[in-house]
Amino acid sequence: MTAEDDAKKLVDQLLAGTSSPADRRDLLTDLLNAGRSPMMDLLEEPQPEVRAAPDITRGFRVRLDLRGTKPPVWRRLELPGDLTLPRLHEVIQAAMGWSDSHLHRFRTGVDRQSPFFVTSIDLDEGEDGVREDDVRLDQLVAGTGDRLGYEYDFGDDWDHVLTVEEVLDTPPSQPRCTGGRLACPPEDCGGIGGHDELAQWVRSGHDDALLPQGFENSEHGHSWLPPGWHPDEFDIDEANDALAIVSAEPAAVTEELGAMVDRLYRRGDRSLRDVLAHPISHEPPEISDEDAARLTETYRVFLETIGAGVKLTQAGYLPPAIVKTFAERSGVSAWFIGKTNREDLTWPVQEVRETARALGLVTVRKGRLTPTVKGARVLNDDRALWRHIVSRLPLGTKDIDHDAGWLALAVVGSGTPAENWSSRISDLLARLGWRTDHPVYWLPPATSPTLFVLELLAGSARTSRLMTGVDAAVAATARAVTRRP
């Protein structure tokens, strides 16, 4: 009998628990004396086996099931065999509808004792093992019935199993979803039990008697759920749109914005990468002469209003007559509550003045606000004014303004509807590590000088920031900045 056999026998006796405390101490002593290597082999996590990559790449039709859901939540996918595990993780997230906000793990089997692969985050935490990075799907599955385990969010414990239904001689050019059933559970809902309670409540027509614990009332529950979420709804087109985004390469951007993408992606966060992979992010940054005139109207009117220059008040503000004239011509007075004749009490006017100065269109000298040489030169040339604004963005010298500015440009340039700009930028800022000291609203504010300019280009002087939808010319303007050499 080998030393390893002796060690296993001793472990079995120790785990049986039938001996007296004194006998267990003796067994433990014998186990330690049996040799360090056999004992350590028993205690170490088994390592996953990875086959050599096949000479010919094929595809797989697979079914992805979220285990424990009744009725089952599942997706049917067609995948190329050379898909690496990090890319497969992104595909699963997109097809299911997860937000990629938590850790994940692949296992070579479907039970929790199966060998698993480690991620870069595991390695950063000091864990050791076989990295998932360069492992391909076709190195783990080869034929019908082969299975792979995938865990997501170790708190809610979402356990998935991927089962090969068919091997495809010709792999798909990119992952696609060909079927599925039921909605993905909301993130952070408490796992299978929490999902079941939410599903029952929604299916009941939001019966107060079935309101899940943790919600103060029905209104609280509605506000917490993802907009329009219903457990029985699955949209295959939405799944394929999401797969198209995760499969696409991000648009080429400036070095600074690219560094932010890499910073997040190295942590397994592809949120900013997905923004820049959106189809609109790849469109050319072109605008018409009519668009140039419309976008630059607020700054052109401001330059026309101050003319060759105006003397500031003793406190350093624009004269009341100038404030009133600009407010009327720009459209601010149509919605602003107040007399709009004092700059310090009319924030939209102050905002235009401050951003015009940051853009290099005006300057203050000896108590006078005057156009710069560049400002005077571009006043009567809408396209030249537009190009000048593009050349000066993003604005701000603080680190938070720098990051928020680039994120604003990325979000707006991707065609995000105006009503979602702030929430999307705040989320990305939080992912980059920015926080606020506010005890309730922990997401950092999206506010930045760059966002102010984009809002003004979108017509906020006339709408009080109540813009909605996508303005293609504003999106193109943002892309003109993010692609600037």
Protein backbone atom coordinates (compact mmCIF):
# COMPACT_ATOMS: atom_id res chain seq x y z
CA MET A 1 0.00 0.00 0.00
CA THR A 2 1.37 3.43 -0.97
CA ALA A 3 1.73 6.44 1.31
CA GLU A 4 -1.14 8.04 -0.59
CA ASP A 5 -3.37 5.01 0.08
CA ASP A 6 -2.47 5.20 3.76
CA ALA A 7 -3.36 8.89 3.82
CA LYS A 8 -6.73 8.29 2.16
CA LYS A 9 -7.55 5.49 4.60
CA LEU A 10 -6.71 7.70 7.55
CA VAL A 11 -8.81 10.56 6.15
CA ASP A 12 -11.77 8.20 5.68
CA GLN A 13 -11.48 7.04 9.27
CA LEU A 14 -11.20 10.58 10.54
CA LEU A 15 -14.25 11.76 8.57
CA ALA A 16 -16.31 8.75 9.70
CA GLY A 17 -16.34 10.29 13.18
CA THR A 18 -16.89 6.98 14.97
CA SER A 19 -13.70 7.02 17.04
CA SER A 20 -13.12 8.64 20.42
CA PRO A 21 -11.47 12.07 20.72
CA ALA A 22 -8.20 10.40 21.75
CA ASP A 23 -8.37 8.04 18.76
CA ARG A 24 -9.06 10.99 16.41
CA ARG A 25 -5.98 12.78 17.76
CA ASP A 26 -3.92 9.66 17.06
CA LEU A 27 -5.38 9.40 13.55
CA LEU A 28 -4.53 13.05 12.88
CA THR A 29 -0.97 12.49 14.08
CA ASP A 30 -0.65 9.44 11.82
CA LEU A 31 -2.05 11.45 8.91
CA LEU A 32 0.55 14.17 9.41
CA ASN A 33 3.27 11.55 9.65
CA ALA A 34 2.02 9.91 6.44
CA GLY A 35 3.84 12.58 4.49
CA ARG A 36 3.07 16.15 3.47
CA SER A 37 2.68 15.53 -0.24
CA PRO A 38 -0.14 12.95 -0.14
CA MET A 39 -2.05 15.03 2.40
CA MET A 40 -1.64 18.23 0.42
CA ASP A 41 -2.77 16.45 -2.74
CA LEU A 42 -5.99 15.49 -0.97
CA LEU A 43 -6.63 19.02 0.24
CA GLU A 44 -5.78 20.89 -2.98
CA GLU A 45 -8.48 21.83 -5.49
CA PRO A 46 -8.44 19.51 -8.53
CA GLN A 47 -7.20 21.24 -11.66
CA PRO A 48 -9.31 21.32 -14.85
CA GLU A 49 -8.21 19.25 -17.82
CA VAL A 50 -7.85 21.17 -21.08
CA ARG A 51 -7.62 19.36 -24.42
CA ALA A 52 -5.43 20.58 -27.24
CA ALA A 53 -7.23 22.94 -29.62
CA PRO A 54 -8.57 21.01 -32.61
CA ASP A 55 -7.05 21.53 -36.04
CA ILE A 56 -10.45 22.40 -37.53
CA THR A 57 -12.72 24.91 -35.80
CA ARG A 58 -16.34 23.84 -35.66
CA GLY A 59 -19.37 25.36 -34.02
CA PHE A 60 -21.77 24.23 -31.33
CA ARG A 61 -25.49 24.59 -30.86
CA VAL A 62 -25.93 24.69 -27.11
CA ARG A 63 -28.69 25.15 -24.58
CA LEU A 64 -27.92 27.39 -21.63
CA ASP A 65 -30.10 26.72 -18.58
CA LEU A 66 -30.36 28.71 -15.35
CA ARG A 67 -30.59 25.87 -12.86
CA GLY A 68 -33.30 25.88 -10.23
CA THR A 69 -35.77 28.06 -12.13
CA LYS A 70 -39.30 26.65 -12.55
CA PRO A 71 -40.42 26.95 -15.28
CA PRO A 72 -36.87 26.93 -16.62
CA VAL A 73 -35.14 30.07 -17.86
CA TRP A 74 -33.01 29.08 -20.86
CA ARG A 75 -31.39 30.27 -24.09
CA ARG A 76 -30.36 28.35 -27.21
CA LEU A 77 -27.13 29.65 -28.74
CA GLU A 78 -24.91 28.94 -31.72
CA LEU A 79 -21.27 29.48 -30.86
CA PRO A 80 -17.93 29.22 -32.66
CA GLY A 81 -15.69 26.62 -31.08
CA ASP A 82 -12.71 28.97 -30.80
CA LEU A 83 -14.58 31.25 -28.39
CA THR A 84 -12.37 31.83 -25.34
CA LEU A 85 -13.89 31.55 -21.87
CA PRO A 86 -13.72 35.31 -21.17
CA ARG A 87 -15.59 35.90 -24.43
CA LEU A 88 -18.03 33.08 -23.60
CA HIS A 89 -18.67 34.83 -20.28
CA GLU A 90 -19.59 38.01 -22.16
CA VAL A 91 -21.87 36.03 -24.50
CA ILE A 92 -23.69 34.38 -21.60
CA GLN A 93 -24.16 37.73 -19.90
CA ALA A 94 -25.61 39.29 -23.06
CA ALA A 95 -27.83 36.37 -24.05
CA MET A 96 -29.26 35.91 -20.57
CA GLY A 97 -29.66 39.62 -19.84
CA TRP A 98 -27.29 39.94 -16.89
CA SER A 99 -25.43 43.23 -16.31
CA ASP A 100 -21.96 41.74 -15.65
CA SER A 101 -21.86 43.38 -12.22
CA HIS A 102 -20.49 40.41 -10.25
CA LEU A 103 -17.81 37.72 -10.31
CA HIS A 104 -18.12 34.56 -12.36
CA ARG A 105 -16.52 31.13 -12.64
CA PHE A 106 -16.43 28.33 -15.22
CA ARG A 107 -16.30 24.68 -14.15
CA THR A 108 -15.53 21.65 -16.28
CA GLY A 109 -18.56 19.87 -14.80
CA VAL A 110 -21.95 20.86 -13.50
CA ASP A 111 -21.52 20.10 -9.80
CA ARG A 112 -19.81 22.44 -7.36
CA GLN A 113 -16.91 20.04 -6.81
CA SER A 114 -15.86 20.10 -10.46
CA PRO A 115 -12.49 21.69 -11.28
CA PHE A 116 -12.76 25.39 -12.08
CA PHE A 117 -10.78 28.03 -13.95
CA VAL A 118 -9.49 31.17 -12.27
CA THR A 119 -10.01 34.72 -13.50
CA SER A 120 -7.65 37.69 -13.32
CA ILE A 121 -9.55 38.87 -10.24
CA ASP A 122 -8.96 35.49 -8.56
CA LEU A 123 -5.25 35.84 -9.26
CA ASP A 124 -5.23 39.38 -7.85
CA GLU A 125 -6.79 37.95 -4.67
CA GLY A 126 -3.94 35.43 -4.36
CA GLU A 127 -5.76 32.39 -5.72
CA ASP A 128 -3.89 29.96 -7.93
CA GLY A 129 -5.03 27.71 -10.73
CA VAL A 130 -5.55 27.40 -14.47
CA ARG A 131 -6.41 30.77 -16.01
CA GLU A 132 -9.52 30.97 -18.15
CA ASP A 133 -8.01 33.58 -20.47
CA ASP A 134 -6.68 31.43 -23.29
CA VAL A 135 -8.93 28.39 -22.92
CA ARG A 136 -11.28 27.80 -25.85
CA LEU A 137 -14.77 26.34 -25.76
CA ASP A 138 -13.74 23.47 -28.08
CA GLN A 139 -11.00 22.50 -25.65
CA LEU A 140 -13.67 21.67 -23.06
CA VAL A 141 -16.57 20.29 -25.09
CA ALA A 142 -16.44 18.22 -28.25
CA GLY A 143 -19.65 16.27 -28.78
CA THR A 144 -23.37 16.14 -28.16
CA GLY A 145 -24.21 15.96 -24.48
CA ASP A 146 -20.95 17.54 -23.26
CA ARG A 147 -21.60 20.08 -20.51
CA LEU A 148 -19.92 23.06 -18.91
CA GLY A 149 -20.80 24.81 -15.66
CA TYR A 150 -20.97 28.59 -15.23
CA GLU A 151 -21.56 30.42 -11.95
CA TYR A 152 -22.42 34.10 -11.68
CA ASP A 153 -22.74 36.30 -8.59
CA PHE A 154 -21.50 34.20 -5.70
CA GLY A 155 -23.97 35.98 -3.39
CA ASP A 156 -27.19 35.30 -5.31
CA ASP A 157 -25.53 32.13 -6.63
CA TRP A 158 -26.82 31.91 -10.20
CA ASP A 159 -25.80 28.47 -11.45
CA HIS A 160 -25.92 27.82 -15.21
CA VAL A 161 -25.26 24.71 -17.26
CA LEU A 162 -24.30 24.81 -20.92
CA THR A 163 -25.15 21.59 -22.81
CA VAL A 164 -24.04 20.79 -26.37
CA GLU A 165 -27.07 19.83 -28.48
CA GLU A 166 -25.35 19.65 -31.86
CA VAL A 167 -21.89 20.04 -33.37
CA LEU A 168 -21.90 22.37 -36.37
CA ASP A 169 -19.47 21.69 -39.23
CA THR A 170 -19.42 25.40 -40.07
CA PRO A 171 -19.02 27.71 -37.07
CA PRO A 172 -21.15 30.87 -36.97
CA SER A 173 -19.28 34.08 -37.74
CA GLN A 174 -20.39 35.41 -34.36
CA PRO A 175 -22.50 34.10 -31.47
CA ARG A 176 -26.25 34.23 -32.01
CA CYS A 177 -29.35 33.33 -30.09
CA THR A 178 -31.88 31.08 -31.84
CA GLY A 179 -34.35 30.53 -29.02
CA GLY A 180 -35.10 30.99 -25.37
CA ARG A 181 -37.73 31.23 -22.69
CA LEU A 182 -38.55 33.61 -19.86
CA ALA A 183 -36.85 36.75 -18.66
CA CYS A 184 -33.52 36.90 -16.88
CA PRO A 185 -34.02 37.46 -13.13
CA PRO A 186 -33.30 40.98 -11.89
CA GLU A 187 -29.80 41.49 -10.52
CA ASP A 188 -29.38 41.29 -6.73
CA CYS A 189 -32.89 39.91 -6.17
CA GLY A 190 -31.76 37.25 -3.68
CA GLY A 191 -31.15 34.24 -5.87
CA ILE A 192 -33.69 31.61 -6.92
CA GLY A 193 -35.90 32.19 -3.87
CA GLY A 194 -36.02 35.95 -4.38
CA HIS A 195 -36.68 35.50 -8.09
CA ASP A 196 -39.57 33.11 -7.41
CA GLU A 197 -41.19 35.63 -5.05
CA LEU A 198 -40.82 38.46 -7.55
CA ALA A 199 -42.16 36.34 -10.40
CA GLN A 200 -45.18 35.27 -8.35
CA TRP A 201 -45.92 38.88 -7.38
CA VAL A 202 -45.67 40.19 -10.95
CA ARG A 203 -47.69 37.29 -12.40
CA SER A 204 -50.44 38.00 -9.85
CA GLY A 205 -50.87 41.51 -11.22
CA HIS A 206 -48.87 42.91 -8.28
CA ASP A 207 -51.17 41.61 -5.57
CA ASP A 208 -50.16 43.38 -2.33
CA ALA A 209 -50.63 40.11 -0.46
CA LEU A 210 -47.77 38.61 -2.49
CA LEU A 211 -45.42 41.60 -2.23
CA PRO A 212 -41.96 40.15 -1.50
CA GLN A 213 -40.39 40.88 1.86
CA GLY A 214 -37.95 43.74 1.78
CA PHE A 215 -40.21 46.12 -0.11
CA GLU A 216 -41.96 48.79 1.93
CA ASN A 217 -44.92 48.88 -0.42
CA SER A 218 -45.94 48.16 -4.01
CA GLU A 219 -44.55 51.48 -5.23
CA HIS A 220 -41.17 50.58 -3.76
CA GLY A 221 -41.28 47.22 -5.53
CA HIS A 222 -42.18 48.78 -8.88
CA SER A 223 -39.36 51.34 -8.59
CA TRP A 224 -36.82 48.61 -7.80
CA LEU A 225 -37.71 46.28 -10.68
CA PRO A 226 -36.08 46.84 -14.09
CA PRO A 227 -38.46 48.90 -16.27
CA GLY A 228 -41.04 46.67 -17.93
CA TRP A 229 -39.72 43.45 -16.35
CA HIS A 230 -42.06 40.48 -16.55
CA PRO A 231 -40.86 36.96 -15.77
CA ASP A 232 -42.61 35.39 -18.76
CA GLU A 233 -41.23 37.71 -21.44
CA PHE A 234 -38.17 37.04 -23.59
CA ASP A 235 -37.24 39.04 -26.68
CA ILE A 236 -34.90 37.17 -29.01
CA ASP A 237 -34.17 40.33 -31.00
CA GLU A 238 -32.99 42.12 -27.85
CA ALA A 239 -30.76 39.14 -27.05
CA ASN A 240 -29.19 39.21 -30.51
CA ASP A 241 -28.75 42.98 -30.38
CA ALA A 242 -26.86 42.53 -27.10
CA LEU A 243 -24.78 39.72 -28.63
CA ALA A 244 -23.93 41.92 -31.62
CA ILE A 245 -22.58 44.59 -29.29
CA VAL A 246 -20.41 42.23 -27.22
CA SER A 247 -19.15 40.61 -30.43
CA ALA A 248 -18.18 43.92 -32.05
CA GLU A 249 -14.89 45.66 -31.61
CA PRO A 250 -15.08 49.13 -30.04
CA ALA A 251 -14.68 52.17 -32.25
CA ALA A 252 -11.20 53.64 -32.48
CA VAL A 253 -10.86 56.45 -29.95
CA THR A 254 -8.29 58.82 -28.50
CA GLU A 255 -5.51 57.51 -26.29
CA GLU A 256 -7.05 58.97 -23.13
CA LEU A 257 -10.45 57.38 -23.67
CA GLY A 258 -8.84 54.14 -24.80
CA ALA A 259 -6.88 54.00 -21.53
CA MET A 260 -10.15 54.25 -19.59
CA VAL A 261 -11.61 51.38 -21.63
CA ASP A 262 -8.55 49.24 -20.90
CA ARG A 263 -8.60 50.17 -17.22
CA LEU A 264 -12.10 48.75 -16.85
CA TYR A 265 -11.66 45.82 -19.22
CA ARG A 266 -8.63 44.54 -17.30
CA ARG A 267 -10.95 44.23 -14.30
CA GLY A 268 -13.44 42.23 -16.32
CA ASP A 269 -15.75 45.23 -16.79
CA ARG A 270 -16.68 45.78 -20.42
CA SER A 271 -19.33 48.46 -19.82
CA LEU A 272 -17.40 51.29 -21.50
CA ARG A 273 -16.17 48.95 -24.21
CA ASP A 274 -19.78 48.08 -25.02
CA VAL A 275 -20.70 51.77 -25.25
CA LEU A 276 -18.00 52.24 -27.87
CA ALA A 277 -18.96 48.99 -29.64
CA HIS A 278 -22.50 50.23 -30.25
CA PRO A 279 -23.18 50.50 -34.00
CA ILE A 280 -23.67 54.28 -33.84
CA SER A 281 -20.24 54.64 -32.23
CA HIS A 282 -18.75 53.43 -35.52
CA GLU A 283 -20.57 55.94 -37.72
CA PRO A 284 -18.60 58.83 -39.25
CA PRO A 285 -18.61 62.10 -37.26
CA GLU A 286 -20.16 64.20 -40.00
CA ILE A 287 -22.74 67.01 -39.76
CA SER A 288 -24.43 69.25 -42.30
CA ASP A 289 -24.12 73.04 -42.54
CA GLU A 290 -27.68 73.30 -41.21
CA ASP A 291 -26.75 71.18 -38.21
CA ALA A 292 -23.65 73.29 -37.57
CA ALA A 293 -25.81 76.42 -37.44
CA ARG A 294 -28.34 74.79 -35.13
CA LEU A 295 -25.79 73.30 -32.73
CA THR A 296 -23.72 76.46 -32.36
CA GLU A 297 -26.66 78.86 -32.08
CA THR A 298 -26.37 79.49 -28.33
CA TYR A 299 -22.68 80.41 -28.48
CA ARG A 300 -23.15 82.46 -31.64
CA VAL A 301 -25.95 84.45 -29.99
CA PHE A 302 -23.78 84.97 -26.91
CA LEU A 303 -20.91 86.32 -29.01
CA GLU A 304 -23.28 88.59 -30.92
CA THR A 305 -24.80 89.88 -27.68
CA ILE A 306 -21.48 90.94 -26.13
CA GLY A 307 -20.30 92.42 -29.45
CA ALA A 308 -16.83 93.93 -29.20
CA GLY A 309 -16.95 93.50 -25.44
CA VAL A 310 -18.82 94.59 -22.30
CA LYS A 311 -17.68 96.05 -19.01
CA LEU A 312 -18.42 93.71 -16.11
CA THR A 313 -20.04 94.85 -12.89
CA GLN A 314 -17.93 95.54 -9.83
CA ALA A 315 -18.72 92.00 -8.63
CA GLY A 316 -17.50 90.62 -11.95
CA TYR A 317 -20.86 89.77 -13.54
CA LEU A 318 -22.41 90.65 -16.88
CA PRO A 319 -24.45 93.89 -16.87
CA PRO A 320 -28.19 93.28 -16.27
CA ALA A 321 -29.14 94.59 -19.72
CA ILE A 322 -26.79 92.10 -21.40
CA VAL A 323 -28.11 89.22 -19.27
CA LYS A 324 -31.70 90.12 -20.16
CA THR A 325 -30.98 90.48 -23.88
CA PHE A 326 -29.12 87.18 -24.09
CA ALA A 327 -31.78 85.35 -22.04
CA GLU A 328 -34.45 86.55 -24.44
CA ARG A 329 -32.50 85.81 -27.64
CA SER A 330 -31.29 82.39 -26.50
CA GLY A 331 -34.68 81.22 -25.28
CA VAL A 332 -33.77 81.03 -21.58
CA SER A 333 -36.34 83.65 -20.54
CA ALA A 334 -39.16 81.57 -22.03
CA TRP A 335 -38.87 78.91 -19.32
CA PHE A 336 -36.64 80.29 -16.55
CA ILE A 337 -38.51 81.34 -13.42
CA GLY A 338 -37.30 84.82 -12.52
CA LYS A 339 -36.46 88.16 -14.11
CA THR A 340 -33.36 86.88 -15.94
CA ASN A 341 -31.54 90.18 -15.50
CA ARG A 342 -28.84 89.12 -13.02
CA GLU A 343 -26.17 86.66 -14.02
CA ASP A 344 -25.64 85.38 -10.48
CA LEU A 345 -29.36 84.53 -10.26
CA THR A 346 -29.72 83.14 -13.79
CA TRP A 347 -27.65 79.97 -13.85
CA PRO A 348 -28.20 79.10 -17.56
CA VAL A 349 -26.63 82.42 -18.60
CA GLN A 350 -23.76 81.93 -16.20
CA GLU A 351 -23.26 78.43 -17.55
CA VAL A 352 -23.00 79.70 -21.14
CA ARG A 353 -20.52 82.38 -20.16
CA GLU A 354 -18.31 79.97 -18.18
CA THR A 355 -18.22 77.32 -20.92
CA ALA A 356 -17.66 79.97 -23.62
CA ARG A 357 -14.60 81.11 -21.68
CA ALA A 358 -13.40 77.53 -21.18
CA LEU A 359 -13.82 76.96 -24.92
CA GLY A 360 -11.59 79.95 -25.65
CA LEU A 361 -14.35 82.00 -27.25
CA VAL A 362 -14.25 84.87 -24.74
CA THR A 363 -11.76 86.26 -22.24
CA VAL A 364 -11.74 88.71 -19.34
CA ARG A 365 -9.21 91.56 -19.38
CA LYS A 366 -9.20 94.62 -17.18
CA GLY A 367 -12.77 94.11 -16.10
CA ARG A 368 -14.13 93.57 -19.62
CA LEU A 369 -15.51 90.42 -21.22
CA THR A 370 -14.45 90.38 -24.87
CA PRO A 371 -14.31 87.84 -27.69
CA THR A 372 -10.95 86.19 -28.20
CA VAL A 373 -9.27 86.53 -31.57
CA LYS A 374 -10.53 83.03 -32.38
CA GLY A 375 -14.02 83.83 -31.10
CA ALA A 376 -14.28 86.89 -33.34
CA ARG A 377 -12.94 84.94 -36.30
CA VAL A 378 -15.48 82.09 -36.10
CA LEU A 379 -18.51 84.22 -35.22
CA ASN A 380 -19.89 84.33 -38.75
CA ASP A 381 -18.80 80.84 -39.80
CA ASP A 382 -20.99 78.17 -38.17
CA ARG A 383 -18.88 75.23 -39.30
CA ALA A 384 -15.66 76.90 -38.16
CA LEU A 385 -17.29 77.58 -34.77
CA TRP A 386 -18.36 73.93 -34.56
CA ARG A 387 -14.85 72.74 -35.40
CA HIS A 388 -13.39 75.04 -32.77
CA ILE A 389 -15.72 73.66 -30.08
CA VAL A 390 -14.75 70.12 -31.07
CA SER A 391 -11.06 71.00 -30.83
CA ARG A 392 -11.42 72.24 -27.23
CA LEU A 393 -13.37 69.34 -25.75
CA PRO A 394 -13.27 67.83 -23.20
CA LEU A 395 -13.11 70.68 -20.69
CA GLY A 396 -11.89 70.79 -17.11
CA THR A 397 -8.62 70.48 -15.24
CA LYS A 398 -9.76 68.33 -12.31
CA ASP A 399 -9.44 64.55 -12.61
CA ILE A 400 -13.19 64.08 -12.05
CA ASP A 401 -14.00 66.60 -14.80
CA HIS A 402 -11.53 64.88 -17.12
CA ASP A 403 -13.04 61.41 -16.60
CA ALA A 404 -16.64 62.65 -16.60
CA GLY A 405 -15.98 64.62 -19.78
CA TRP A 406 -14.60 61.68 -21.74
CA LEU A 407 -17.42 59.46 -20.50
CA ALA A 408 -20.00 62.07 -21.54
CA LEU A 409 -18.51 62.15 -25.03
CA ALA A 410 -18.50 58.33 -25.25
CA VAL A 411 -22.10 58.02 -24.03
CA VAL A 412 -23.49 60.81 -26.22
CA GLY A 413 -21.49 59.63 -29.24
CA SER A 414 -22.96 56.11 -28.92
CA GLY A 415 -26.47 57.42 -29.54
CA THR A 416 -27.68 57.12 -25.96
CA PRO A 417 -31.01 59.01 -25.63
CA ALA A 418 -30.60 62.38 -23.92
CA GLU A 419 -32.86 61.40 -21.02
CA ASN A 420 -30.39 58.62 -20.13
CA TRP A 421 -27.15 60.59 -20.41
CA SER A 422 -26.75 61.40 -16.72
CA SER A 423 -27.58 57.96 -15.35
CA ARG A 424 -25.25 56.22 -17.82
CA ILE A 425 -22.37 58.59 -17.13
CA SER A 426 -22.83 58.28 -13.35
CA ASP A 427 -22.78 54.49 -13.60
CA LEU A 428 -19.56 54.52 -15.62
CA LEU A 429 -17.94 56.98 -13.20
CA ALA A 430 -18.79 54.63 -10.34
CA ARG A 431 -17.27 51.71 -12.24
CA LEU A 432 -14.07 53.74 -12.64
CA GLY A 433 -13.96 54.14 -8.87
CA TRP A 434 -15.43 57.60 -8.34
CA ARG A 435 -17.64 57.96 -5.27
CA THR A 436 -19.58 60.64 -3.43
CA ASP A 437 -19.79 61.28 0.30
CA HIS A 438 -23.56 61.67 0.13
CA PRO A 439 -25.08 59.09 2.52
CA VAL A 440 -27.87 58.06 0.14
CA TYR A 441 -27.03 58.89 -3.48
CA TRP A 442 -23.73 57.10 -3.73
CA LEU A 443 -23.44 57.33 -7.54
CA PRO A 444 -21.19 60.25 -8.51
CA PRO A 445 -22.97 63.05 -10.39
CA ALA A 446 -22.57 63.15 -14.15
CA THR A 447 -22.15 66.93 -14.12
CA SER A 448 -19.12 68.26 -15.95
CA PRO A 449 -18.25 71.28 -18.14
CA THR A 450 -18.17 68.94 -21.13
CA LEU A 451 -21.68 67.69 -20.47
CA PHE A 452 -22.85 71.32 -20.13
CA VAL A 453 -21.50 72.05 -23.62
CA LEU A 454 -23.11 68.96 -25.13
CA GLU A 455 -26.43 69.91 -23.55
CA LEU A 456 -26.15 73.45 -24.92
CA LEU A 457 -25.41 72.07 -28.38
CA ALA A 458 -28.53 69.92 -28.00
CA GLY A 459 -30.60 73.03 -27.29
CA SER A 460 -30.84 73.07 -23.49
CA ALA A 461 -30.97 76.90 -23.50
CA ARG A 462 -34.41 76.60 -25.07
CA THR A 463 -35.59 73.44 -23.26
CA SER A 464 -34.27 73.64 -19.69
CA ARG A 465 -32.39 70.36 -20.20
CA LEU A 466 -35.62 68.53 -20.96
CA MET A 467 -34.10 66.93 -24.05
CA THR A 468 -35.18 63.44 -25.07
CA GLY A 469 -34.25 61.01 -27.79
CA VAL A 470 -31.16 60.98 -29.98
CA ASP A 471 -29.87 64.06 -31.81
CA ALA A 472 -27.70 62.55 -34.54
CA ALA A 473 -25.72 65.77 -35.01
CA VAL A 474 -24.89 66.05 -31.29
CA ALA A 475 -23.83 62.39 -31.29
CA ALA A 476 -21.62 63.04 -34.34
CA THR A 477 -20.08 66.03 -32.55
CA ALA A 478 -19.15 63.85 -29.59
CA ARG A 479 -17.62 61.25 -31.91
CA ALA A 480 -15.62 63.97 -33.67
CA VAL A 481 -13.93 64.56 -30.30
CA THR A 482 -13.40 60.94 -29.29
CA ARG A 483 -11.79 60.12 -32.65
CA ARG A 484 -9.64 63.22 -32.80
CA PRO A 485 -6.02 62.25 -33.57
